[in-house]
Amino acid sequence: MIYAINYDLKKPGQDYADLYKAIEECGVCWHYLGSTWLVDTLLDAEGVWQRLQPHVDKTDRVLVIGVTRDYQGWLSQEAWDWINSRSAKLAA
């Protein structure tokens, strides 16, 4: 399954390197938008969140949501290639 991980990290000066590492350890990642990652993983949304939760503050906001086949936007060809190559793993 592919999940979009979106966040607003609210704590100024906080080092979020551990959060980014936790995201990368969930599966194969794509990260070309500042606060959005796409992760191709065997985990479900709860499993992804459980890995991320220890690395965010209570004031931060995080959304882990499945990516469907209904998508559109203005991205680089590299981004579309990444998404389209995994289209079988997208939710209906």
PDB file of N, CA and C in Angstrom:
ATOM      1  N   MET A   1       0.852  -1.180   0.000  1.00  0.00           N
ATOM      2  CA  MET A   1       0.000   0.000   0.000  1.00  0.00           C
ATOM      3  C   MET A   1       0.890   1.233   0.000  1.00  0.00           C
ATOM      4  N   ILE A   2       0.386   2.285  -0.611  1.00  0.00           N
ATOM      5  CA  ILE A   2       1.093   3.553  -0.587  1.00  0.00           C
ATOM      6  C   ILE A   2       0.317   4.512   0.310  1.00  0.00           C
ATOM      7  N   TYR A   3       1.034   5.136   1.221  1.00  0.00           N
ATOM      8  CA  TYR A   3       0.454   6.120   2.117  1.00  0.00           C
ATOM      9  C   TYR A   3       1.110   7.468   1.893  1.00  0.00           C
ATOM     10  N   ALA A   4       0.308   8.507   2.000  1.00  0.00           N
ATOM     11  CA  ALA A   4       0.824   9.870   2.040  1.00  0.00           C
ATOM     12  C   ALA A   4       0.971  10.241   3.512  1.00  0.00           C
ATOM     13  N   ILE A   5       2.122  10.749   3.855  1.00  0.00           N
ATOM     14  CA  ILE A   5       2.372  11.256   5.199  1.00  0.00           C
ATOM     15  C   ILE A   5       2.533  12.765   5.051  1.00  0.00           C
ATOM     16  N   ASN A   6       1.626  13.491   5.666  1.00  0.00           N
ATOM     17  CA  ASN A   6       1.628  14.954   5.602  1.00  0.00           C
ATOM     18  C   ASN A   6       1.767  15.491   7.012  1.00  0.00           C
ATOM     19  N   TYR A   7       2.498  16.582   7.170  1.00  0.00           N
ATOM     20  CA  TYR A   7       2.677  17.094   8.519  1.00  0.00           C
ATOM     21  C   TYR A   7       2.871  18.602   8.553  1.00  0.00           C
ATOM     22  N   ASP A   8       2.530  19.168   9.700  1.00  0.00           N
ATOM     23  CA  ASP A   8       2.884  20.523  10.104  1.00  0.00           C
ATOM     24  C   ASP A   8       3.676  20.348  11.386  1.00  0.00           C
ATOM     25  N   LEU A   9       4.952  20.640  11.326  1.00  0.00           N
ATOM     26  CA  LEU A   9       5.824  20.498  12.492  1.00  0.00           C
ATOM     27  C   LEU A   9       5.939  21.870  13.137  1.00  0.00           C
ATOM     28  N   LYS A  10       5.424  21.975  14.351  1.00  0.00           N
ATOM     29  CA  LYS A  10       5.192  23.269  14.977  1.00  0.00           C
ATOM     30  C   LYS A  10       6.292  23.772  15.906  1.00  0.00           C
ATOM     31  N   LYS A  11       7.174  22.906  16.347  1.00  0.00           N
ATOM     32  CA  LYS A  11       8.135  23.319  17.363  1.00  0.00           C
ATOM     33  C   LYS A  11       9.372  23.940  16.705  1.00  0.00           C
ATOM     34  N   PRO A  12       9.539  25.257  16.807  1.00  0.00           N
ATOM     35  CA  PRO A  12      10.691  25.921  16.184  1.00  0.00           C
ATOM     36  C   PRO A  12      12.012  25.374  16.718  1.00  0.00           C
ATOM     37  N   GLY A  13      12.938  25.158  15.828  1.00  0.00           N
ATOM     38  CA  GLY A  13      14.264  24.704  16.230  1.00  0.00           C
ATOM     39  C   GLY A  13      14.360  23.232  16.556  1.00  0.00           C
ATOM     40  N   GLN A  14      13.232  22.506  16.516  1.00  0.00           N
ATOM     41  CA  GLN A  14      13.237  21.075  16.817  1.00  0.00           C
ATOM     42  C   GLN A  14      13.982  20.323  15.725  1.00  0.00           C
ATOM     43  N   ASP A  15      14.779  19.350  16.118  1.00  0.00           N
ATOM     44  CA  ASP A  15      15.486  18.497  15.167  1.00  0.00           C
ATOM     45  C   ASP A  15      14.585  17.301  14.859  1.00  0.00           C
ATOM     46  N   TYR A  16      14.085  17.254  13.636  1.00  0.00           N
ATOM     47  CA  TYR A  16      13.169  16.187  13.236  1.00  0.00           C
ATOM     48  C   TYR A  16      13.874  15.087  12.451  1.00  0.00           C
ATOM     49  N   ALA A  17      15.188  15.001  12.557  1.00  0.00           N
ATOM     50  CA  ALA A  17      15.944  13.972  11.824  1.00  0.00           C
ATOM     51  C   ALA A  17      15.447  12.567  12.161  1.00  0.00           C
ATOM     52  N   ASP A  18      15.105  12.325  13.412  1.00  0.00           N
ATOM     53  CA  ASP A  18      14.612  10.990  13.799  1.00  0.00           C
ATOM     54  C   ASP A  18      13.256  10.693  13.169  1.00  0.00           C
ATOM     55  N   LEU A  19      12.419  11.715  13.006  1.00  0.00           N
ATOM     56  CA  LEU A  19      11.134  11.525  12.341  1.00  0.00           C
ATOM     57  C   LEU A  19      11.362  11.144  10.881  1.00  0.00           C
ATOM     58  N   TYR A  20      12.221  11.863  10.208  1.00  0.00           N
ATOM     59  CA  TYR A  20      12.494  11.573   8.801  1.00  0.00           C
ATOM     60  C   TYR A  20      13.089  10.174   8.633  1.00  0.00           C
ATOM     61  N   LYS A  21      13.948   9.797   9.549  1.00  0.00           N
ATOM     62  CA  LYS A  21      14.526   8.452   9.505  1.00  0.00           C
ATOM     63  C   LYS A  21      13.432   7.397   9.713  1.00  0.00           C
ATOM     64  N   ALA A  22      12.520   7.652  10.645  1.00  0.00           N
ATOM     65  CA  ALA A  22      11.424   6.715  10.903  1.00  0.00           C
ATOM     66  C   ALA A  22      10.534   6.572   9.660  1.00  0.00           C
ATOM     67  N   ILE A  23      10.283   7.668   8.977  1.00  0.00           N
ATOM     68  CA  ILE A  23       9.504   7.601   7.739  1.00  0.00           C
ATOM     69  C   ILE A  23      10.227   6.735   6.716  1.00  0.00           C
ATOM     70  N   GLU A  24      11.513   6.991   6.532  1.00  0.00           N
ATOM     71  CA  GLU A  24      12.301   6.236   5.554  1.00  0.00           C
ATOM     72  C   GLU A  24      12.355   4.751   5.878  1.00  0.00           C
ATOM     73  N   GLU A  25      12.291   4.407   7.148  1.00  0.00           N
ATOM     74  CA  GLU A  25      12.357   3.003   7.556  1.00  0.00           C
ATOM     75  C   GLU A  25      11.020   2.269   7.363  1.00  0.00           C
ATOM     76  N   CYS A  26       9.964   2.997   7.028  1.00  0.00           N
ATOM     77  CA  CYS A  26       8.660   2.361   6.796  1.00  0.00           C
ATOM     78  C   CYS A  26       8.607   1.653   5.447  1.00  0.00           C
ATOM     79  N   GLY A  27       9.409   2.068   4.499  1.00  0.00           N
ATOM     80  CA  GLY A  27       9.365   1.457   3.170  1.00  0.00           C
ATOM     81  C   GLY A  27      10.089   2.311   2.147  1.00  0.00           C
ATOM     82  N   VAL A  28       9.736   2.117   0.893  1.00  0.00           N
ATOM     83  CA  VAL A  28      10.339   2.887  -0.191  1.00  0.00           C
ATOM     84  C   VAL A  28       9.653   4.244  -0.234  1.00  0.00           C
ATOM     85  N   CYS A  29      10.426   5.319  -0.156  1.00  0.00           N
ATOM     86  CA  CYS A  29       9.874   6.660   0.009  1.00  0.00           C
ATOM     87  C   CYS A  29      10.099   7.557  -1.198  1.00  0.00           C
ATOM     88  N   TRP A  30       9.202   8.513  -1.337  1.00  0.00           N
ATOM     89  CA  TRP A  30       9.308   9.604  -2.289  1.00  0.00           C
ATOM     90  C   TRP A  30       9.063  10.871  -1.499  1.00  0.00           C
ATOM     91  N   HIS A  31       9.995  11.845  -1.611  1.00  0.00           N
ATOM     92  CA  HIS A  31       9.875  13.075  -0.809  1.00  0.00           C
ATOM     93  C   HIS A  31      10.380  14.262  -1.620  1.00  0.00           C
ATOM     94  N   TYR A  32       9.489  14.832  -2.423  1.00  0.00           N
ATOM     95  CA  TYR A  32       9.858  16.003  -3.199  1.00  0.00           C
ATOM     96  C   TYR A  32       9.020  17.221  -2.853  1.00  0.00           C
ATOM     97  N   LEU A  33       8.060  17.057  -1.965  1.00  0.00           N
ATOM     98  CA  LEU A  33       7.267  18.177  -1.472  1.00  0.00           C
ATOM     99  C   LEU A  33       7.637  18.385  -0.013  1.00  0.00           C
ATOM    100  N   GLY A  34       7.780  19.619   0.389  1.00  0.00           N
ATOM    101  CA  GLY A  34       8.313  19.950   1.698  1.00  0.00           C
ATOM    102  C   GLY A  34       7.765  19.177   2.881  1.00  0.00           C
ATOM    103  N   SER A  35       6.457  19.073   3.008  1.00  0.00           N
ATOM    104  CA  SER A  35       5.896  18.421   4.187  1.00  0.00           C
ATOM    105  C   SER A  35       5.041  17.209   3.821  1.00  0.00           C
ATOM    106  N   THR A  36       5.366  16.586   2.690  1.00  0.00           N
ATOM    107  CA  THR A  36       4.632  15.403   2.240  1.00  0.00           C
ATOM    108  C   THR A  36       5.604  14.329   1.790  1.00  0.00           C
ATOM    109  N   TRP A  37       5.365  13.129   2.246  1.00  0.00           N
ATOM    110  CA  TRP A  37       6.110  11.947   1.803  1.00  0.00           C
ATOM    111  C   TRP A  37       5.101  10.944   1.268  1.00  0.00           C
ATOM    112  N   LEU A  38       5.491  10.179   0.273  1.00  0.00           N
ATOM    113  CA  LEU A  38       4.745   8.996  -0.131  1.00  0.00           C
ATOM    114  C   LEU A  38       5.589   7.802   0.248  1.00  0.00           C
ATOM    115  N   VAL A  39       4.965   6.798   0.852  1.00  0.00           N
ATOM    116  CA  VAL A  39       5.695   5.621   1.317  1.00  0.00           C
ATOM    117  C   VAL A  39       5.007   4.366   0.800  1.00  0.00           C
ATOM    118  N   ASP A  40       5.760   3.551   0.101  1.00  0.00           N
ATOM    119  CA  ASP A  40       5.303   2.242  -0.373  1.00  0.00           C
ATOM    120  C   ASP A  40       5.729   1.250   0.707  1.00  0.00           C
ATOM    121  N   THR A  41       4.748   0.686   1.414  1.00  0.00           N
ATOM    122  CA  THR A  41       5.048  -0.109   2.609  1.00  0.00           C
ATOM    123  C   THR A  41       4.110  -1.298   2.759  1.00  0.00           C
ATOM    124  N   LEU A  42       4.542  -2.261   3.514  1.00  0.00           N
ATOM    125  CA  LEU A  42       3.695  -3.394   3.879  1.00  0.00           C
ATOM    126  C   LEU A  42       2.882  -3.090   5.142  1.00  0.00           C
ATOM    127  N   LEU A  43       3.208  -1.990   5.818  1.00  0.00           N
ATOM    128  CA  LEU A  43       2.491  -1.591   7.032  1.00  0.00           C
ATOM    129  C   LEU A  43       1.125  -1.029   6.684  1.00  0.00           C
ATOM    130  N   ASP A  44       0.192  -1.062   7.661  1.00  0.00           N
ATOM    131  CA  ASP A  44      -1.054  -0.332   7.487  1.00  0.00           C
ATOM    132  C   ASP A  44      -0.858   1.067   8.078  1.00  0.00           C
ATOM    133  N   ALA A  45      -1.875   1.918   7.959  1.00  0.00           N
ATOM    134  CA  ALA A  45      -1.755   3.297   8.435  1.00  0.00           C
ATOM    135  C   ALA A  45      -1.410   3.352   9.927  1.00  0.00           C
ATOM    136  N   GLU A  46      -2.024   2.487  10.711  1.00  0.00           N
ATOM    137  CA  GLU A  46      -1.731   2.445  12.153  1.00  0.00           C
ATOM    138  C   GLU A  46      -0.279   2.066  12.396  1.00  0.00           C
ATOM    139  N   GLY A  47       0.236   1.105  11.639  1.00  0.00           N
ATOM    140  CA  GLY A  47       1.634   0.700  11.788  1.00  0.00           C
ATOM    141  C   GLY A  47       2.602   1.819  11.448  1.00  0.00           C
ATOM    142  N   VAL A  48       2.283   2.583  10.398  1.00  0.00           N
ATOM    143  CA  VAL A  48       3.119   3.735  10.034  1.00  0.00           C
ATOM    144  C   VAL A  48       3.084   4.742  11.163  1.00  0.00           C
ATOM    145  N   TRP A  49       1.880   5.072  11.647  1.00  0.00           N
ATOM    146  CA  TRP A  49       1.748   6.056  12.721  1.00  0.00           C
ATOM    147  C   TRP A  49       2.505   5.626  13.972  1.00  0.00           C
ATOM    148  N   GLN A  50       2.429   4.362  14.348  1.00  0.00           N
ATOM    149  CA  GLN A  50       3.127   3.880  15.535  1.00  0.00           C
ATOM    150  C   GLN A  50       4.636   4.108  15.433  1.00  0.00           C
ATOM    151  N   ARG A  51       5.180   4.027  14.238  1.00  0.00           N
ATOM    152  CA  ARG A  51       6.615   4.279  14.045  1.00  0.00           C
ATOM    153  C   ARG A  51       6.951   5.772  14.106  1.00  0.00           C
ATOM    154  N   LEU A  52       6.017   6.603  13.718  1.00  0.00           N
ATOM    155  CA  LEU A  52       6.270   8.050  13.674  1.00  0.00           C
ATOM    156  C   LEU A  52       5.985   8.749  14.997  1.00  0.00           C
ATOM    157  N   GLN A  53       4.983   8.290  15.700  1.00  0.00           N
ATOM    158  CA  GLN A  53       4.492   8.970  16.899  1.00  0.00           C
ATOM    159  C   GLN A  53       5.577   9.325  17.918  1.00  0.00           C
ATOM    160  N   PRO A  54       6.550   8.449  18.191  1.00  0.00           N
ATOM    161  CA  PRO A  54       7.559   8.821  19.186  1.00  0.00           C
ATOM    162  C   PRO A  54       8.433  10.010  18.781  1.00  0.00           C
ATOM    163  N   HIS A  55       8.359  10.423  17.520  1.00  0.00           N
ATOM    164  CA  HIS A  55       9.263  11.451  17.009  1.00  0.00           C
ATOM    165  C   HIS A  55       8.576  12.775  16.724  1.00  0.00           C
ATOM    166  N   VAL A  56       7.318  12.922  17.154  1.00  0.00           N
ATOM    167  CA  VAL A  56       6.608  14.187  16.966  1.00  0.00           C
ATOM    168  C   VAL A  56       6.199  14.742  18.321  1.00  0.00           C
ATOM    169  N   ASP A  57       6.025  16.061  18.354  1.00  0.00           N
ATOM    170  CA  ASP A  57       5.589  16.735  19.571  1.00  0.00           C
ATOM    171  C   ASP A  57       4.071  16.834  19.590  1.00  0.00           C
ATOM    172  N   LYS A  58       3.515  17.085  20.757  1.00  0.00           N
ATOM    173  CA  LYS A  58       2.057  17.178  20.897  1.00  0.00           C
ATOM    174  C   LYS A  58       1.471  18.327  20.083  1.00  0.00           C
ATOM    175  N   THR A  59       2.262  19.331  19.762  1.00  0.00           N
ATOM    176  CA  THR A  59       1.762  20.467  18.979  1.00  0.00           C
ATOM    177  C   THR A  59       1.856  20.223  17.475  1.00  0.00           C
ATOM    178  N   ASP A  60       2.591  19.193  17.058  1.00  0.00           N
ATOM    179  CA  ASP A  60       2.708  18.858  15.643  1.00  0.00           C
ATOM    180  C   ASP A  60       1.404  18.250  15.143  1.00  0.00           C
ATOM    181  N   ARG A  61       1.226  18.275  13.845  1.00  0.00           N
ATOM    182  CA  ARG A  61       0.071  17.641  13.221  1.00  0.00           C
ATOM    183  C   ARG A  61       0.570  16.700  12.142  1.00  0.00           C
ATOM    184  N   VAL A  62       0.052  15.463  12.119  1.00  0.00           N
ATOM    185  CA  VAL A  62       0.480  14.448  11.157  1.00  0.00           C
ATOM    186  C   VAL A  62      -0.758  13.733  10.622  1.00  0.00           C
ATOM    187  N   LEU A  63      -0.773  13.510   9.313  1.00  0.00           N
ATOM    188  CA  LEU A  63      -1.843  12.750   8.677  1.00  0.00           C
ATOM    189  C   LEU A  63      -1.211  11.636   7.854  1.00  0.00           C
ATOM    190  N   VAL A  64      -1.618  10.400   8.126  1.00  0.00           N
ATOM    191  CA  VAL A  64      -1.197   9.231   7.345  1.00  0.00           C
ATOM    192  C   VAL A  64      -2.457   8.735   6.653  1.00  0.00           C
ATOM    193  N   ILE A  65      -2.441   8.747   5.322  1.00  0.00           N
ATOM    194  CA  ILE A  65      -3.654   8.415   4.573  1.00  0.00           C
ATOM    195  C   ILE A  65      -3.302   7.640   3.316  1.00  0.00           C
ATOM    196  N   GLY A  66      -4.099   6.634   3.010  1.00  0.00           N
ATOM    197  CA  GLY A  66      -3.869   5.821   1.828  1.00  0.00           C
ATOM    198  C   GLY A  66      -4.047   6.622   0.546  1.00  0.00           C
ATOM    199  N   VAL A  67      -3.194   6.353  -0.424  1.00  0.00           N
ATOM    200  CA  VAL A  67      -3.281   7.012  -1.723  1.00  0.00           C
ATOM    201  C   VAL A  67      -4.161   6.155  -2.637  1.00  0.00           C
ATOM    202  N   THR A  68      -5.099   6.786  -3.285  1.00  0.00           N
ATOM    203  CA  THR A  68      -6.014   6.073  -4.176  1.00  0.00           C
ATOM    204  C   THR A  68      -5.568   6.230  -5.626  1.00  0.00           C
ATOM    205  N   ARG A  69      -6.293   5.589  -6.516  1.00  0.00           N
ATOM    206  CA  ARG A  69      -6.002   5.698  -7.945  1.00  0.00           C
ATOM    207  C   ARG A  69      -6.541   7.006  -8.529  1.00  0.00           C
ATOM    208  N   ASP A  70      -7.279   7.746  -7.752  1.00  0.00           N
ATOM    209  CA  ASP A  70      -7.835   9.013  -8.193  1.00  0.00           C
ATOM    210  C   ASP A  70      -6.921  10.131  -7.708  1.00  0.00           C
ATOM    211  N   TYR A  71      -5.976  10.511  -8.538  1.00  0.00           N
ATOM    212  CA  TYR A  71      -5.015  11.546  -8.161  1.00  0.00           C
ATOM    213  C   TYR A  71      -4.709  12.427  -9.352  1.00  0.00           C
ATOM    214  N   GLN A  72      -4.253  13.623  -9.062  1.00  0.00           N
ATOM    215  CA  GLN A  72      -3.886  14.584 -10.088  1.00  0.00           C
ATOM    216  C   GLN A  72      -3.058  15.675  -9.435  1.00  0.00           C
ATOM    217  N   GLY A  73      -2.264  16.365 -10.191  1.00  0.00           N
ATOM    218  CA  GLY A  73      -1.480  17.462  -9.650  1.00  0.00           C
ATOM    219  C   GLY A  73      -0.426  17.932 -10.629  1.00  0.00           C
ATOM    220  N   TRP A  74       0.460  18.774 -10.136  1.00  0.00           N
ATOM    221  CA  TRP A  74       1.543  19.347 -10.914  1.00  0.00           C
ATOM    222  C   TRP A  74       2.846  18.921 -10.247  1.00  0.00           C
ATOM    223  N   LEU A  75       3.397  17.827 -10.744  1.00  0.00           N
ATOM    224  CA  LEU A  75       4.623  17.268 -10.179  1.00  0.00           C
ATOM    225  C   LEU A  75       5.621  17.004 -11.298  1.00  0.00           C
ATOM    226  N   SER A  76       6.844  16.721 -10.916  1.00  0.00           N
ATOM    227  CA  SER A  76       7.873  16.368 -11.900  1.00  0.00           C
ATOM    228  C   SER A  76       7.554  15.000 -12.520  1.00  0.00           C
ATOM    229  N   GLN A  77       8.104  14.746 -13.680  1.00  0.00           N
ATOM    230  CA  GLN A  77       7.904  13.452 -14.315  1.00  0.00           C
ATOM    231  C   GLN A  77       8.430  12.334 -13.425  1.00  0.00           C
ATOM    232  N   GLU A  78       9.518  12.604 -12.718  1.00  0.00           N
ATOM    233  CA  GLU A  78      10.079  11.610 -11.795  1.00  0.00           C
ATOM    234  C   GLU A  78       9.058  11.211 -10.727  1.00  0.00           C
ATOM    235  N   ALA A  79       8.313  12.182 -10.232  1.00  0.00           N
ATOM    236  CA  ALA A  79       7.284  11.900  -9.225  1.00  0.00           C
ATOM    237  C   ALA A  79       6.177  11.036  -9.813  1.00  0.00           C
ATOM    238  N   TRP A  80       5.679  11.404 -10.991  1.00  0.00           N
ATOM    239  CA  TRP A  80       4.620  10.615 -11.621  1.00  0.00           C
ATOM    240  C   TRP A  80       5.102   9.214 -11.939  1.00  0.00           C
ATOM    241  N   ASP A  81       6.344   9.091 -12.363  1.00  0.00           N
ATOM    242  CA  ASP A  81       6.895   7.760 -12.643  1.00  0.00           C
ATOM    243  C   ASP A  81       6.901   6.905 -11.382  1.00  0.00           C
ATOM    244  N   TRP A  82       7.293   7.498 -10.253  1.00  0.00           N
ATOM    245  CA  TRP A  82       7.324   6.772  -8.978  1.00  0.00           C
ATOM    246  C   TRP A  82       5.919   6.293  -8.622  1.00  0.00           C
ATOM    247  N   ILE A  83       4.951   7.192  -8.699  1.00  0.00           N
ATOM    248  CA  ILE A  83       3.566   6.846  -8.352  1.00  0.00           C
ATOM    249  C   ILE A  83       3.018   5.804  -9.318  1.00  0.00           C
ATOM    250  N   ASN A  84       3.163   6.053 -10.610  1.00  0.00           N
ATOM    251  CA  ASN A  84       2.583   5.157 -11.614  1.00  0.00           C
ATOM    252  C   ASN A  84       3.212   3.771 -11.592  1.00  0.00           C
ATOM    253  N   SER A  85       4.487   3.691 -11.242  1.00  0.00           N
ATOM    254  CA  SER A  85       5.139   2.376 -11.184  1.00  0.00           C
ATOM    255  C   SER A  85       4.601   1.526 -10.039  1.00  0.00           C
ATOM    256  N   ARG A  86       3.911   2.155  -9.111  1.00  0.00           N
ATOM    257  CA  ARG A  86       3.355   1.441  -7.961  1.00  0.00           C
ATOM    258  C   ARG A  86       1.839   1.451  -7.971  1.00  0.00           C
ATOM    259  N   SER A  87       1.235   1.741  -9.105  1.00  0.00           N
ATOM    260  CA  SER A  87      -0.213   1.927  -9.173  1.00  0.00           C
ATOM    261  C   SER A  87      -0.998   0.705  -8.696  1.00  0.00           C
ATOM    262  N   ALA A  88      -0.431  -0.485  -8.812  1.00  0.00           N
ATOM    263  CA  ALA A  88      -1.117  -1.704  -8.344  1.00  0.00           C
ATOM    264  C   ALA A  88      -1.263  -1.702  -6.824  1.00  0.00           C
ATOM    265  N   LYS A  89      -0.474  -0.898  -6.126  1.00  0.00           N
ATOM    266  CA  LYS A  89      -0.520  -0.855  -4.671  1.00  0.00           C
ATOM    267  C   LYS A  89      -1.416   0.251  -4.148  1.00  0.00           C
ATOM    268  N   LEU A  90      -2.026   1.014  -5.052  1.00  0.00           N
ATOM    269  CA  LEU A  90      -2.905   2.095  -4.641  1.00  0.00           C
ATOM    270  C   LEU A  90      -4.283   1.552  -4.299  1.00  0.00           C
ATOM    271  N   ALA A  91      -4.938   2.215  -3.364  1.00  0.00           N
ATOM    272  CA  ALA A  91      -6.312   1.842  -3.011  1.00  0.00           C
ATOM    273  C   ALA A  91      -7.245   2.191  -4.157  1.00  0.00           C
ATOM    274  N   ALA A  92      -8.327   1.490  -4.253  1.00  0.00           N
ATOM    275  CA  ALA A  92      -9.301   1.729  -5.333  1.00  0.00           C
ATOM    276  C   ALA A  92      -9.952   3.084  -5.196  1.00  0.00           C
TER     277      ALA A  92
END
